[in-house]
């Protein structure tokens, strides 16, 4: 992962340097082609520019083409990003409408525990389903237990938070009564208690 990030950083620096160089080339070639001849003569460049005007013009066109390609690529990336965000949002909305009891109970844990991050078993079906639907986001920090199996830290994805409320998660609107609290505890996923016990023994 660190190596990949380093390669991405190097690629970003290379692209920035290439763009800066291209902008300088564009500026210089534009000045050489459109600068008044009197000024070129003053700089002793008139003869050289007349001789190499064709190559200077070609260099200018290449610089413009490169910058144009970058602009098109940037617009395409933005369009793809917006399309991806829209698709993810649609997936989240669809999943929120079809949450099963186990998935809903799992999401309630974030609210019941007042935690933004929970350690959850990676192989549990509700965890995988919510991860696939972009409702949960993995933060890594994987651990392996002989009894419980692999776990990792998860949080509710930023894009999903606006879709989750007390009504969706079937939480009491105010302070829960003793009966409501017992019902919520009874509905908790079994693996939540299992993880707590495993971590307690590991400690």
Protein backbone atom coordinates (compact mmCIF):
# COMPACT_ATOMS: atom_id res chain seq x y z
CA UNK A 1 0.00 0.00 0.00
CA UNK A 2 2.81 2.43 0.92
CA UNK A 3 4.61 1.57 -2.32
CA UNK A 4 1.44 2.25 -4.32
CA UNK A 5 0.96 5.62 -2.60
CA UNK A 6 4.60 6.50 -3.32
CA UNK A 7 4.17 5.64 -7.00
CA UNK A 8 0.99 7.74 -7.21
CA UNK A 9 2.81 10.65 -5.53
CA UNK A 10 5.73 10.38 -7.98
CA UNK A 11 3.33 10.24 -10.92
CA UNK A 12 1.53 13.33 -9.64
CA UNK A 13 4.80 15.25 -9.29
CA UNK A 14 5.85 14.21 -12.81
CA UNK A 15 2.54 15.39 -14.29
CA UNK A 16 2.78 18.70 -12.44
CA UNK A 17 6.34 19.24 -13.71
CA UNK A 18 5.32 18.31 -17.27
CA UNK A 19 2.40 20.76 -17.17
CA UNK A 20 4.61 23.54 -15.82
CA UNK A 21 7.19 22.92 -18.57
CA UNK A 22 4.47 22.87 -21.23
CA UNK A 23 3.05 26.18 -20.01
CA UNK A 24 6.50 27.76 -20.22
CA UNK A 25 6.96 26.38 -23.75
CA UNK A 26 3.53 27.74 -24.70
CA UNK A 27 4.36 31.17 -23.31
CA UNK A 28 7.78 31.39 -24.97
CA UNK A 29 6.64 30.15 -28.39
CA UNK A 30 3.64 32.51 -28.33
CA UNK A 31 5.90 35.46 -27.52
CA UNK A 32 8.37 34.52 -30.25
CA UNK A 33 5.66 34.22 -32.89
CA UNK A 34 3.61 37.30 -31.99
CA UNK A 35 6.21 39.67 -30.58
CA UNK A 36 6.73 42.85 -32.67
CA UNK A 37 9.66 42.51 -35.07
CA UNK A 38 11.21 45.68 -33.67
CA UNK A 39 11.43 44.04 -30.26
CA UNK A 40 12.80 40.81 -31.78
CA UNK A 41 15.43 42.84 -33.58
CA UNK A 42 16.33 44.57 -30.33
CA UNK A 43 16.83 41.13 -28.75
CA UNK A 44 18.76 39.92 -31.82
CA UNK A 45 16.17 37.19 -32.38
CA UNK A 46 14.47 38.36 -35.58
CA UNK A 47 16.65 36.35 -37.94
CA UNK A 48 16.50 33.21 -35.77
CA UNK A 49 12.70 33.41 -35.44
CA UNK A 50 12.27 33.89 -39.21
CA UNK A 51 14.45 30.84 -39.88
CA UNK A 52 12.74 28.60 -37.30
CA UNK A 53 9.18 29.97 -37.45
CA UNK A 54 7.88 26.63 -38.75
CA UNK A 55 9.37 24.67 -35.83
CA UNK A 56 8.30 27.29 -33.30
CA UNK A 57 4.73 27.12 -34.62
CA UNK A 58 4.79 23.31 -34.51
CA UNK A 59 6.04 23.40 -30.91
CA UNK A 60 3.24 25.83 -30.04
CA UNK A 61 0.65 23.48 -31.56
CA UNK A 62 2.08 20.50 -29.67
CA UNK A 63 1.95 22.43 -26.39
CA UNK A 64 -1.65 23.44 -27.07
CA UNK A 65 -2.54 19.85 -27.95
CA UNK A 66 -0.98 18.57 -24.71
CA UNK A 67 -2.82 21.12 -22.58
CA UNK A 68 -6.03 20.40 -24.48
CA UNK A 69 -5.61 16.67 -23.84
CA UNK A 70 -5.08 17.36 -20.13
CA UNK A 71 -8.22 19.50 -20.05
CA UNK A 72 -10.28 16.80 -21.77
CA UNK A 73 -8.86 14.17 -19.42
CA UNK A 74 -9.73 16.35 -16.42
CA UNK A 75 -13.30 16.81 -17.67
CA UNK A 76 -13.65 13.07 -18.28
CA UNK A 77 -12.32 12.26 -14.80
CA UNK A 78 -14.79 14.71 -13.29
CA UNK A 79 -17.67 13.22 -15.29
CA UNK A 80 -16.68 9.67 -14.30
CA UNK A 81 -16.34 10.73 -10.67
CA UNK A 82 -19.81 12.33 -10.65
CA UNK A 83 -21.30 9.27 -12.36
CA UNK A 84 -19.62 6.99 -9.82
CA UNK A 85 -20.89 9.10 -6.91
CA UNK A 86 -24.41 9.02 -8.34
CA UNK A 87 -24.25 5.24 -8.79
CA UNK A 88 -22.95 4.75 -5.24
CA UNK A 89 -25.71 6.99 -3.89
CA UNK A 90 -28.32 4.95 -5.77
CA UNK A 91 -26.87 1.71 -4.36
CA UNK A 92 -26.97 3.13 -0.84
CA UNK A 93 -30.58 4.32 -1.21
CA UNK A 94 -31.66 0.95 -2.58
CA UNK A 95 -29.89 -0.96 0.19
CA UNK A 96 -31.31 1.30 2.92
CA UNK A 97 -34.83 0.50 1.66
CA UNK A 98 -34.09 -3.23 1.79
CA UNK A 99 -32.12 -3.58 5.03
CA UNK A 100 -32.71 -6.94 6.69
CA UNK A 101 -32.95 -7.22 10.50
CA UNK A 102 -29.30 -8.28 10.91
CA UNK A 103 -27.98 -5.39 8.80
CA UNK A 104 -30.22 -2.88 10.58
CA UNK A 105 -29.12 -4.22 13.98
CA UNK A 106 -25.48 -3.93 12.95
CA UNK A 107 -25.89 -0.28 11.93
CA UNK A 108 -27.70 0.43 15.20
CA UNK A 109 -24.55 -0.58 17.07
CA UNK A 110 -22.80 2.61 15.96
CA UNK A 111 -25.57 4.63 17.60
CA UNK A 112 -26.02 2.40 20.65
CA UNK A 113 -22.30 2.39 21.41
CA UNK A 114 -21.91 6.05 20.47
CA UNK A 115 -18.90 5.04 18.37
CA UNK A 116 -17.83 6.23 14.93
CA UNK A 117 -15.64 3.14 14.43
CA UNK A 118 -16.44 -0.48 15.29
CA UNK A 119 -14.34 -3.63 15.09
CA UNK A 120 -16.36 -6.19 13.14
CA UNK A 121 -15.77 -9.70 11.74
CA UNK A 122 -14.93 -9.47 8.06
CA UNK A 123 -16.63 -12.71 7.05
CA UNK A 124 -20.06 -12.02 8.54
CA UNK A 125 -22.77 -11.70 5.88
CA UNK A 126 -24.23 -8.37 7.15
CA UNK A 127 -20.76 -6.80 7.21
CA UNK A 128 -19.98 -7.93 3.65
CA UNK A 129 -23.40 -6.84 2.36
CA UNK A 130 -23.13 -3.35 3.87
CA UNK A 131 -19.57 -3.01 2.64
CA UNK A 132 -20.58 -4.00 -0.89
CA UNK A 133 -23.43 -1.47 -0.81
CA UNK A 134 -20.98 1.30 0.22
CA UNK A 135 -22.77 1.83 3.54
CA UNK A 136 -19.79 0.60 5.54
CA UNK A 137 -16.21 1.61 4.85
CA UNK A 138 -13.23 -0.48 5.93
CA UNK A 139 -10.43 1.32 7.80
CA UNK A 140 -8.10 -1.67 7.88
CA UNK A 141 -6.38 -2.57 11.16
CA UNK A 142 -7.07 -6.25 10.48
CA UNK A 143 -6.62 -8.79 13.23
CA UNK A 144 -6.91 -12.56 13.19
CA UNK A 145 -8.37 -14.60 16.02
CA UNK A 146 -8.48 -18.39 16.10
CA UNK A 147 -12.07 -18.47 17.36
CA UNK A 148 -13.73 -15.40 15.86
CA UNK A 149 -11.83 -15.22 12.59
CA UNK A 150 -10.47 -12.07 10.90
CA UNK A 151 -11.74 -8.69 12.08
CA UNK A 152 -11.22 -5.13 10.87
CA UNK A 153 -12.30 -1.64 11.79
CA UNK A 154 -15.29 -0.16 9.99
CA UNK A 155 -17.15 3.14 9.94
CA UNK A 156 -20.35 4.30 8.31
CA UNK A 157 -19.42 5.83 4.95
CA UNK A 158 -19.90 9.57 4.67
CA UNK A 159 -22.25 9.19 1.68
CA UNK A 160 -24.48 6.81 3.67
CA UNK A 161 -24.86 8.89 6.83
CA UNK A 162 -27.52 11.21 5.44
CA UNK A 163 -29.70 8.18 4.65
CA UNK A 164 -29.55 6.71 8.15
CA UNK A 165 -31.75 8.06 10.90
CA UNK A 166 -33.69 6.78 13.90
CA UNK A 167 -36.68 5.90 11.76
CA UNK A 168 -34.63 3.86 9.29
CA UNK A 169 -32.75 2.07 12.08
CA UNK A 170 -35.94 1.71 14.16
CA UNK A 171 -34.51 3.45 17.17
CA UNK A 172 -36.73 5.17 19.75
CA UNK A 173 -37.28 8.86 18.99
CA UNK A 174 -36.26 9.85 22.50
CA UNK A 175 -34.81 8.20 25.57
CA UNK A 176 -35.61 4.45 25.22
CA UNK A 177 -37.80 2.83 27.84
CA UNK A 178 -36.60 -0.26 29.68
CA UNK A 179 -38.73 -2.43 27.42
CA UNK A 180 -37.37 -0.77 24.26
CA UNK A 181 -33.83 -1.11 25.56
CA UNK A 182 -34.30 -4.82 26.23
CA UNK A 183 -35.69 -5.26 22.73
CA UNK A 184 -32.66 -3.51 21.19
CA UNK A 185 -30.25 -5.60 23.26
CA UNK A 186 -32.03 -8.79 22.25
CA UNK A 187 -31.81 -7.77 18.57
CA UNK A 188 -28.04 -7.13 18.71
CA UNK A 189 -26.00 -9.29 16.31
CA UNK A 190 -24.53 -12.29 18.10
CA UNK A 191 -21.08 -11.65 16.67
CA UNK A 192 -20.93 -8.24 18.41
CA UNK A 193 -20.96 -9.97 21.78
CA UNK A 194 -18.55 -12.58 20.43
CA UNK A 195 -16.01 -9.94 19.46
CA UNK A 196 -16.24 -8.26 22.85
CA UNK A 197 -15.52 -11.59 24.56
CA UNK A 198 -12.61 -12.43 22.24
CA UNK A 199 -11.01 -8.99 22.76
CA UNK A 200 -11.46 -9.35 26.52
CA UNK A 201 -9.66 -12.71 26.51
CA UNK A 202 -6.95 -11.35 24.18
CA UNK A 203 -6.32 -8.45 26.56
